[in-house]
Amino acid sequence: MIEERALVVTFVRLKLALVRNGVRQSTGRSAAFVGTMAVVALFGVLGLLGLVALRCLRW
């Protein structure tokens, strides 16, 4: 279990470093990154609202 966690932590750090380096290289990449984050957040919020609506409207 501990080895898996260490592996996940290492992978996440590597991924974040790659994202930061990629975003630093150009403004177009920065805009794409921010746009993607906004779309993902919107998708998550809509999914959450859908689940809440299903719970409130169940018969």
N, C-alpha and C. Protein backbone atom coordinates (compact mmCIF):
# COMPACT_ATOMS: atom_id res chain seq x y z
N MET A 1 0.83 -1.20 0.00
CA MET A 1 0.00 0.00 0.00
C MET A 1 0.87 1.26 0.00
N ILE A 2 1.90 1.28 0.82
CA ILE A 2 2.77 2.45 0.91
C ILE A 2 3.51 2.66 -0.41
N GLU A 3 3.94 1.56 -1.05
CA GLU A 3 4.66 1.69 -2.31
C GLU A 3 3.75 2.29 -3.38
N GLU A 4 2.48 1.89 -3.38
CA GLU A 4 1.54 2.43 -4.35
C GLU A 4 1.35 3.93 -4.14
N ARG A 5 1.26 4.31 -2.88
CA ARG A 5 1.06 5.74 -2.58
C ARG A 5 2.27 6.55 -3.02
N ALA A 6 3.45 6.02 -2.76
CA ALA A 6 4.67 6.72 -3.17
C ALA A 6 4.72 6.85 -4.68
N LEU A 7 4.29 5.81 -5.36
CA LEU A 7 4.28 5.84 -6.82
C LEU A 7 3.30 6.88 -7.34
N VAL A 8 2.13 6.95 -6.72
CA VAL A 8 1.13 7.94 -7.13
C VAL A 8 1.63 9.35 -6.87
N VAL A 9 2.23 9.57 -5.72
CA VAL A 9 2.75 10.90 -5.39
C VAL A 9 3.83 11.31 -6.39
N THR A 10 4.72 10.39 -6.72
CA THR A 10 5.77 10.68 -7.70
C THR A 10 5.18 11.00 -9.06
N PHE A 11 4.19 10.23 -9.49
CA PHE A 11 3.56 10.45 -10.78
C PHE A 11 2.87 11.82 -10.82
N VAL A 12 2.16 12.18 -9.75
CA VAL A 12 1.47 13.47 -9.70
C VAL A 12 2.47 14.62 -9.74
N ARG A 13 3.56 14.50 -9.01
CA ARG A 13 4.59 15.55 -9.04
C ARG A 13 5.17 15.71 -10.43
N LEU A 14 5.45 14.59 -11.09
CA LEU A 14 6.00 14.64 -12.45
C LEU A 14 5.00 15.29 -13.40
N LYS A 15 3.75 14.91 -13.30
CA LYS A 15 2.72 15.47 -14.17
C LYS A 15 2.57 16.96 -13.95
N LEU A 16 2.56 17.40 -12.69
CA LEU A 16 2.45 18.83 -12.41
C LEU A 16 3.64 19.60 -12.94
N ALA A 17 4.83 19.03 -12.82
CA ALA A 17 6.03 19.68 -13.35
C ALA A 17 5.94 19.82 -14.87
N LEU A 18 5.46 18.79 -15.53
CA LEU A 18 5.32 18.84 -16.99
C LEU A 18 4.28 19.87 -17.40
N VAL A 19 3.18 19.95 -16.66
CA VAL A 19 2.14 20.93 -16.98
C VAL A 19 2.68 22.34 -16.78
N ARG A 20 3.38 22.57 -15.67
CA ARG A 20 3.93 23.90 -15.41
C ARG A 20 4.92 24.31 -16.49
N ASN A 21 5.80 23.41 -16.88
CA ASN A 21 6.78 23.73 -17.91
C ASN A 21 6.10 24.00 -19.25
N GLY A 22 5.08 23.23 -19.56
CA GLY A 22 4.35 23.44 -20.81
C GLY A 22 3.61 24.76 -20.82
N VAL A 23 3.02 25.12 -19.70
CA VAL A 23 2.26 26.36 -19.62
C VAL A 23 3.19 27.57 -19.70
N ARG A 24 4.38 27.44 -19.17
CA ARG A 24 5.33 28.57 -19.20
C ARG A 24 5.82 28.89 -20.61
N GLN A 25 5.75 27.94 -21.52
CA GLN A 25 6.38 28.12 -22.82
C GLN A 25 5.62 29.08 -23.73
N SER A 26 4.33 29.13 -23.66
CA SER A 26 3.60 30.01 -24.58
C SER A 26 2.28 30.46 -23.96
N THR A 27 1.82 31.62 -24.39
CA THR A 27 0.54 32.12 -23.90
C THR A 27 -0.61 31.32 -24.46
N GLY A 28 -0.43 30.76 -25.66
CA GLY A 28 -1.49 29.93 -26.24
C GLY A 28 -1.74 28.70 -25.40
N ARG A 29 -0.67 28.09 -24.93
CA ARG A 29 -0.82 26.91 -24.07
C ARG A 29 -1.46 27.30 -22.74
N SER A 30 -1.08 28.46 -22.23
CA SER A 30 -1.68 28.92 -20.97
C SER A 30 -3.18 29.13 -21.14
N ALA A 31 -3.56 29.74 -22.25
CA ALA A 31 -4.98 29.98 -22.50
C ALA A 31 -5.73 28.65 -22.66
N ALA A 32 -5.13 27.71 -23.35
CA ALA A 32 -5.75 26.40 -23.54
C ALA A 32 -5.90 25.67 -22.20
N PHE A 33 -4.88 25.78 -21.36
CA PHE A 33 -4.92 25.13 -20.05
C PHE A 33 -6.04 25.72 -19.19
N VAL A 34 -6.12 27.04 -19.15
CA VAL A 34 -7.15 27.70 -18.35
C VAL A 34 -8.53 27.38 -18.91
N GLY A 35 -8.66 27.39 -20.23
CA GLY A 35 -9.94 27.06 -20.85
C GLY A 35 -10.37 25.64 -20.54
N THR A 36 -9.41 24.72 -20.59
CA THR A 36 -9.71 23.33 -20.28
C THR A 36 -10.14 23.17 -18.83
N MET A 37 -9.46 23.85 -17.92
CA MET A 37 -9.84 23.79 -16.51
C MET A 37 -11.25 24.33 -16.31
N ALA A 38 -11.61 25.41 -17.01
CA ALA A 38 -12.95 25.98 -16.88
C ALA A 38 -14.00 25.00 -17.38
N VAL A 39 -13.73 24.35 -18.50
CA VAL A 39 -14.69 23.37 -19.05
C VAL A 39 -14.84 22.19 -18.11
N VAL A 40 -13.73 21.70 -17.56
CA VAL A 40 -13.78 20.57 -16.63
C VAL A 40 -14.57 20.94 -15.38
N ALA A 41 -14.34 22.15 -14.85
CA ALA A 41 -15.07 22.59 -13.66
C ALA A 41 -16.56 22.71 -13.96
N LEU A 42 -16.90 23.26 -15.12
CA LEU A 42 -18.30 23.39 -15.51
C LEU A 42 -18.96 22.01 -15.64
N PHE A 43 -18.25 21.08 -16.26
CA PHE A 43 -18.75 19.72 -16.42
C PHE A 43 -19.00 19.08 -15.05
N GLY A 44 -18.07 19.28 -14.13
CA GLY A 44 -18.22 18.73 -12.78
C GLY A 44 -19.41 19.33 -12.04
N VAL A 45 -19.58 20.63 -12.16
CA VAL A 45 -20.69 21.30 -11.48
C VAL A 45 -22.02 20.83 -12.07
N LEU A 46 -22.09 20.71 -13.39
CA LEU A 46 -23.32 20.23 -14.01
C LEU A 46 -23.63 18.79 -13.59
N GLY A 47 -22.60 17.97 -13.50
CA GLY A 47 -22.80 16.60 -13.03
C GLY A 47 -23.31 16.56 -11.61
N LEU A 48 -22.74 17.39 -10.76
CA LEU A 48 -23.18 17.46 -9.37
C LEU A 48 -24.62 17.94 -9.27
N LEU A 49 -24.95 18.97 -10.04
CA LEU A 49 -26.33 19.47 -10.03
C LEU A 49 -27.30 18.40 -10.54
N GLY A 50 -26.88 17.63 -11.54
CA GLY A 50 -27.72 16.55 -12.04
C GLY A 50 -27.98 15.50 -10.98
N LEU A 51 -26.95 15.15 -10.23
CA LEU A 51 -27.12 14.17 -9.16
C LEU A 51 -28.02 14.70 -8.05
N VAL A 52 -27.86 15.97 -7.71
CA VAL A 52 -28.72 16.58 -6.68
C VAL A 52 -30.17 16.60 -7.17
N ALA A 53 -30.37 16.93 -8.45
CA ALA A 53 -31.72 16.97 -9.01
C ALA A 53 -32.34 15.58 -8.98
N LEU A 54 -31.57 14.57 -9.33
CA LEU A 54 -32.09 13.21 -9.30
C LEU A 54 -32.49 12.80 -7.88
N ARG A 55 -31.69 13.20 -6.91
CA ARG A 55 -32.01 12.85 -5.52
C ARG A 55 -33.26 13.59 -5.04
N CYS A 56 -33.39 14.84 -5.41
CA CYS A 56 -34.54 15.63 -4.96
C CYS A 56 -35.82 15.26 -5.69
N LEU A 57 -35.72 14.81 -6.93
CA LEU A 57 -36.90 14.56 -7.74
C LEU A 57 -37.27 13.08 -7.81
N ARG A 58 -36.62 12.24 -7.02
CA ARG A 58 -36.94 10.83 -7.11
C ARG A 58 -38.35 10.57 -6.61
N TRP A 59 -38.96 9.61 -7.19
CA TRP A 59 -40.37 9.34 -6.90
C TRP A 59 -40.46 8.52 -5.69
